[in-house]
Amino acid sequence: MPGHKDEPLITIATFETELEASFARGALEASGISALVPGEWSGSFTGMYRGLPHQVELQVFESDCDRALVELRRLKIRIVPPQHRA
């Protein structure tokens, strides 16, 4: 992703399903914010949880964090803060 060389990715939200996380990622990318759902394109989601409760992370580059949160709120996407953040 151009312009973000060596910049850390941070988790800004968690979701109960891969579909919700992918929707939020797409919404951010449509707004020009690079976003990542770890495991989304590697196929690691397929059949991995089979209905078991789990959390799917949404990540952005650290410099895009504030802008991404504003955009998710503007779109009224439910934001669940990651458990490891205060």
N, C-alpha and C. Protein backbone atom coordinates (compact mmCIF):
# COMPACT_ATOMS: atom_id res chain seq x y z
N MET A 1 0.84 -1.17 0.00
CA MET A 1 0.00 0.00 0.00
C MET A 1 0.90 1.24 0.00
N PRO A 2 0.88 1.99 -1.07
CA PRO A 2 1.78 3.13 -1.22
C PRO A 2 1.62 4.15 -0.10
N GLY A 3 2.74 4.75 0.28
CA GLY A 3 2.69 5.81 1.27
C GLY A 3 2.66 5.35 2.71
N HIS A 4 2.64 4.06 2.95
CA HIS A 4 2.54 3.54 4.31
C HIS A 4 3.68 2.59 4.64
N LYS A 5 4.78 2.70 3.91
CA LYS A 5 5.90 1.79 4.11
C LYS A 5 6.34 1.78 5.58
N ASP A 6 6.42 0.61 6.15
CA ASP A 6 6.87 0.39 7.53
C ASP A 6 5.94 0.98 8.59
N GLU A 7 4.76 1.44 8.21
CA GLU A 7 3.82 1.96 9.20
C GLU A 7 3.02 0.80 9.79
N PRO A 8 2.84 0.79 11.10
CA PRO A 8 2.12 -0.33 11.71
C PRO A 8 0.62 -0.31 11.40
N LEU A 9 0.06 -1.49 11.31
CA LEU A 9 -1.39 -1.65 11.23
C LEU A 9 -1.92 -1.76 12.65
N ILE A 10 -3.07 -1.14 12.89
CA ILE A 10 -3.69 -1.25 14.21
C ILE A 10 -5.13 -1.71 14.04
N THR A 11 -5.61 -2.45 15.01
CA THR A 11 -6.99 -2.92 15.00
C THR A 11 -7.87 -1.82 15.56
N ILE A 12 -8.86 -1.41 14.75
CA ILE A 12 -9.74 -0.33 15.21
C ILE A 12 -11.11 -0.83 15.64
N ALA A 13 -11.46 -2.05 15.23
CA ALA A 13 -12.77 -2.58 15.59
C ALA A 13 -12.77 -4.10 15.43
N THR A 14 -13.70 -4.74 16.09
CA THR A 14 -13.92 -6.17 15.91
C THR A 14 -15.38 -6.40 15.54
N PHE A 15 -15.61 -7.49 14.85
CA PHE A 15 -16.96 -7.83 14.39
C PHE A 15 -17.24 -9.30 14.69
N GLU A 16 -18.50 -9.64 14.77
CA GLU A 16 -18.89 -11.02 15.07
C GLU A 16 -18.85 -11.91 13.85
N THR A 17 -18.88 -11.32 12.65
CA THR A 17 -18.86 -12.14 11.44
C THR A 17 -17.88 -11.56 10.43
N GLU A 18 -17.40 -12.43 9.56
CA GLU A 18 -16.52 -12.01 8.49
C GLU A 18 -17.23 -11.05 7.54
N LEU A 19 -18.52 -11.27 7.31
CA LEU A 19 -19.29 -10.43 6.41
C LEU A 19 -19.33 -8.98 6.91
N GLU A 20 -19.58 -8.81 8.21
CA GLU A 20 -19.61 -7.46 8.78
C GLU A 20 -18.25 -6.77 8.63
N ALA A 21 -17.18 -7.49 8.93
CA ALA A 21 -15.84 -6.92 8.83
C ALA A 21 -15.51 -6.56 7.39
N SER A 22 -15.88 -7.43 6.46
CA SER A 22 -15.61 -7.16 5.04
C SER A 22 -16.41 -5.96 4.54
N PHE A 23 -17.64 -5.82 5.01
CA PHE A 23 -18.46 -4.67 4.65
C PHE A 23 -17.80 -3.38 5.13
N ALA A 24 -17.34 -3.38 6.39
CA ALA A 24 -16.69 -2.19 6.94
C ALA A 24 -15.41 -1.88 6.18
N ARG A 25 -14.63 -2.90 5.84
CA ARG A 25 -13.41 -2.70 5.06
C ARG A 25 -13.73 -2.06 3.72
N GLY A 26 -14.74 -2.58 3.04
CA GLY A 26 -15.13 -2.02 1.75
C GLY A 26 -15.59 -0.58 1.85
N ALA A 27 -16.32 -0.26 2.91
CA ALA A 27 -16.78 1.11 3.11
C ALA A 27 -15.60 2.06 3.32
N LEU A 28 -14.61 1.62 4.09
CA LEU A 28 -13.43 2.46 4.29
C LEU A 28 -12.66 2.64 2.99
N GLU A 29 -12.47 1.56 2.26
CA GLU A 29 -11.72 1.65 1.01
C GLU A 29 -12.44 2.52 -0.02
N ALA A 30 -13.77 2.50 -0.01
CA ALA A 30 -14.53 3.37 -0.91
C ALA A 30 -14.33 4.84 -0.55
N SER A 31 -13.94 5.10 0.69
CA SER A 31 -13.68 6.46 1.15
C SER A 31 -12.20 6.82 1.03
N GLY A 32 -11.42 5.94 0.44
CA GLY A 32 -10.00 6.22 0.23
C GLY A 32 -9.10 5.85 1.39
N ILE A 33 -9.59 5.03 2.32
CA ILE A 33 -8.80 4.61 3.47
C ILE A 33 -8.45 3.13 3.30
N SER A 34 -7.16 2.83 3.25
CA SER A 34 -6.73 1.44 3.13
C SER A 34 -7.09 0.68 4.40
N ALA A 35 -7.67 -0.50 4.25
CA ALA A 35 -8.07 -1.30 5.41
C ALA A 35 -7.81 -2.77 5.13
N LEU A 36 -7.73 -3.55 6.20
CA LEU A 36 -7.41 -4.96 6.10
C LEU A 36 -8.24 -5.76 7.09
N VAL A 37 -8.74 -6.89 6.64
CA VAL A 37 -9.37 -7.88 7.51
C VAL A 37 -8.45 -9.10 7.43
N PRO A 38 -7.59 -9.31 8.46
CA PRO A 38 -6.64 -10.42 8.40
C PRO A 38 -7.32 -11.76 8.11
N GLY A 39 -6.78 -12.50 7.15
CA GLY A 39 -7.32 -13.79 6.80
C GLY A 39 -8.40 -13.77 5.73
N GLU A 40 -8.88 -12.58 5.40
CA GLU A 40 -9.99 -12.47 4.46
C GLU A 40 -9.66 -13.05 3.09
N TRP A 41 -8.51 -12.73 2.54
CA TRP A 41 -8.18 -13.16 1.19
C TRP A 41 -7.36 -14.44 1.15
N SER A 42 -6.91 -14.89 2.29
CA SER A 42 -6.11 -16.12 2.29
C SER A 42 -6.98 -17.36 2.35
N GLY A 43 -8.28 -17.17 2.57
CA GLY A 43 -9.18 -18.31 2.67
C GLY A 43 -9.24 -18.91 4.06
N SER A 44 -8.59 -18.27 5.03
CA SER A 44 -8.58 -18.86 6.37
C SER A 44 -9.93 -18.76 7.06
N PHE A 45 -10.86 -17.96 6.53
CA PHE A 45 -12.20 -17.88 7.12
C PHE A 45 -13.03 -19.12 6.82
N THR A 46 -12.86 -19.68 5.67
CA THR A 46 -13.74 -20.74 5.18
C THR A 46 -13.78 -21.92 6.13
N GLY A 47 -14.93 -22.12 6.74
CA GLY A 47 -15.15 -23.29 7.58
C GLY A 47 -14.37 -23.31 8.87
N MET A 48 -13.63 -22.27 9.16
CA MET A 48 -12.77 -22.31 10.32
C MET A 48 -13.55 -22.30 11.63
N TYR A 49 -14.62 -21.56 11.69
CA TYR A 49 -15.33 -21.40 12.95
C TYR A 49 -16.62 -22.21 13.03
N ARG A 50 -17.22 -22.50 11.92
CA ARG A 50 -18.45 -23.30 11.87
C ARG A 50 -19.45 -22.94 12.97
N GLY A 51 -19.78 -21.64 13.04
CA GLY A 51 -20.80 -21.18 13.97
C GLY A 51 -20.30 -20.90 15.38
N LEU A 52 -19.04 -21.15 15.65
CA LEU A 52 -18.51 -20.85 16.98
C LEU A 52 -18.30 -19.36 17.12
N PRO A 53 -18.53 -18.82 18.33
CA PRO A 53 -18.32 -17.39 18.52
C PRO A 53 -16.84 -17.03 18.33
N HIS A 54 -16.59 -15.95 17.64
CA HIS A 54 -15.24 -15.47 17.43
C HIS A 54 -15.30 -14.00 17.06
N GLN A 55 -14.16 -13.37 17.01
CA GLN A 55 -14.12 -11.96 16.63
C GLN A 55 -13.21 -11.78 15.43
N VAL A 56 -13.67 -10.97 14.50
CA VAL A 56 -12.94 -10.68 13.29
C VAL A 56 -12.46 -9.24 13.39
N GLU A 57 -11.17 -9.02 13.17
CA GLU A 57 -10.59 -7.69 13.33
C GLU A 57 -10.62 -6.89 12.03
N LEU A 58 -10.74 -5.58 12.18
CA LEU A 58 -10.60 -4.62 11.09
C LEU A 58 -9.39 -3.77 11.42
N GLN A 59 -8.44 -3.71 10.50
CA GLN A 59 -7.21 -2.97 10.74
C GLN A 59 -7.01 -1.88 9.70
N VAL A 60 -6.38 -0.79 10.16
CA VAL A 60 -5.98 0.31 9.28
C VAL A 60 -4.57 0.73 9.68
N PHE A 61 -3.94 1.52 8.80
CA PHE A 61 -2.66 2.07 9.17
C PHE A 61 -2.85 3.08 10.29
N GLU A 62 -1.87 3.14 11.17
CA GLU A 62 -1.96 4.00 12.35
C GLU A 62 -2.33 5.44 11.99
N SER A 63 -1.76 5.97 10.92
CA SER A 63 -2.04 7.37 10.55
C SER A 63 -3.47 7.58 10.05
N ASP A 64 -4.17 6.51 9.71
CA ASP A 64 -5.55 6.61 9.22
C ASP A 64 -6.59 6.31 10.30
N CYS A 65 -6.13 6.00 11.50
CA CYS A 65 -7.04 5.54 12.56
C CYS A 65 -8.18 6.51 12.84
N ASP A 66 -7.88 7.75 13.13
CA ASP A 66 -8.92 8.72 13.48
C ASP A 66 -9.89 8.92 12.33
N ARG A 67 -9.36 9.07 11.13
CA ARG A 67 -10.20 9.26 9.95
C ARG A 67 -11.11 8.05 9.71
N ALA A 68 -10.57 6.84 9.92
CA ALA A 68 -11.35 5.63 9.71
C ALA A 68 -12.49 5.53 10.73
N LEU A 69 -12.22 5.84 11.97
CA LEU A 69 -13.27 5.79 12.99
C LEU A 69 -14.38 6.80 12.70
N VAL A 70 -14.00 8.00 12.26
CA VAL A 70 -14.99 9.01 11.89
C VAL A 70 -15.86 8.49 10.75
N GLU A 71 -15.24 7.88 9.76
CA GLU A 71 -15.98 7.38 8.61
C GLU A 71 -16.93 6.25 9.00
N LEU A 72 -16.48 5.33 9.84
CA LEU A 72 -17.37 4.24 10.28
C LEU A 72 -18.56 4.79 11.06
N ARG A 73 -18.31 5.78 11.89
CA ARG A 73 -19.42 6.40 12.64
C ARG A 73 -20.38 7.13 11.70
N ARG A 74 -19.83 7.81 10.71
CA ARG A 74 -20.67 8.53 9.74
C ARG A 74 -21.59 7.56 9.01
N LEU A 75 -21.06 6.39 8.70
CA LEU A 75 -21.85 5.37 8.00
C LEU A 75 -22.72 4.55 8.95
N LYS A 76 -22.63 4.85 10.24
CA LYS A 76 -23.41 4.17 11.28
C LYS A 76 -23.10 2.68 11.33
N ILE A 77 -21.82 2.36 11.11
CA ILE A 77 -21.37 0.98 11.26
C ILE A 77 -21.02 0.78 12.72
N ARG A 78 -21.58 -0.24 13.31
CA ARG A 78 -21.37 -0.53 14.73
C ARG A 78 -19.89 -0.84 14.97
N ILE A 79 -19.29 -0.07 15.86
CA ILE A 79 -17.88 -0.24 16.17
C ILE A 79 -17.76 -0.90 17.54
N VAL A 80 -17.11 -2.05 17.58
CA VAL A 80 -16.84 -2.74 18.82
C VAL A 80 -15.33 -2.61 19.06
N PRO A 81 -14.94 -1.85 20.07
CA PRO A 81 -13.50 -1.68 20.29
C PRO A 81 -12.84 -3.03 20.55
N PRO A 82 -11.63 -3.21 20.04
CA PRO A 82 -10.91 -4.44 20.30
C PRO A 82 -10.68 -4.60 21.81
N GLN A 83 -10.66 -5.82 22.28
CA GLN A 83 -10.52 -6.07 23.71
C GLN A 83 -9.17 -5.67 24.26
N HIS A 84 -8.12 -5.69 23.42
CA HIS A 84 -6.79 -5.37 23.92
C HIS A 84 -6.52 -3.87 24.00
N ARG A 85 -7.45 -3.04 23.58
CA ARG A 85 -7.29 -1.58 23.68
C ARG A 85 -8.16 -1.07 24.81
N ALA A 86 -7.72 -0.03 25.47
CA ALA A 86 -8.49 0.57 26.58
C ALA A 86 -9.57 1.47 26.06
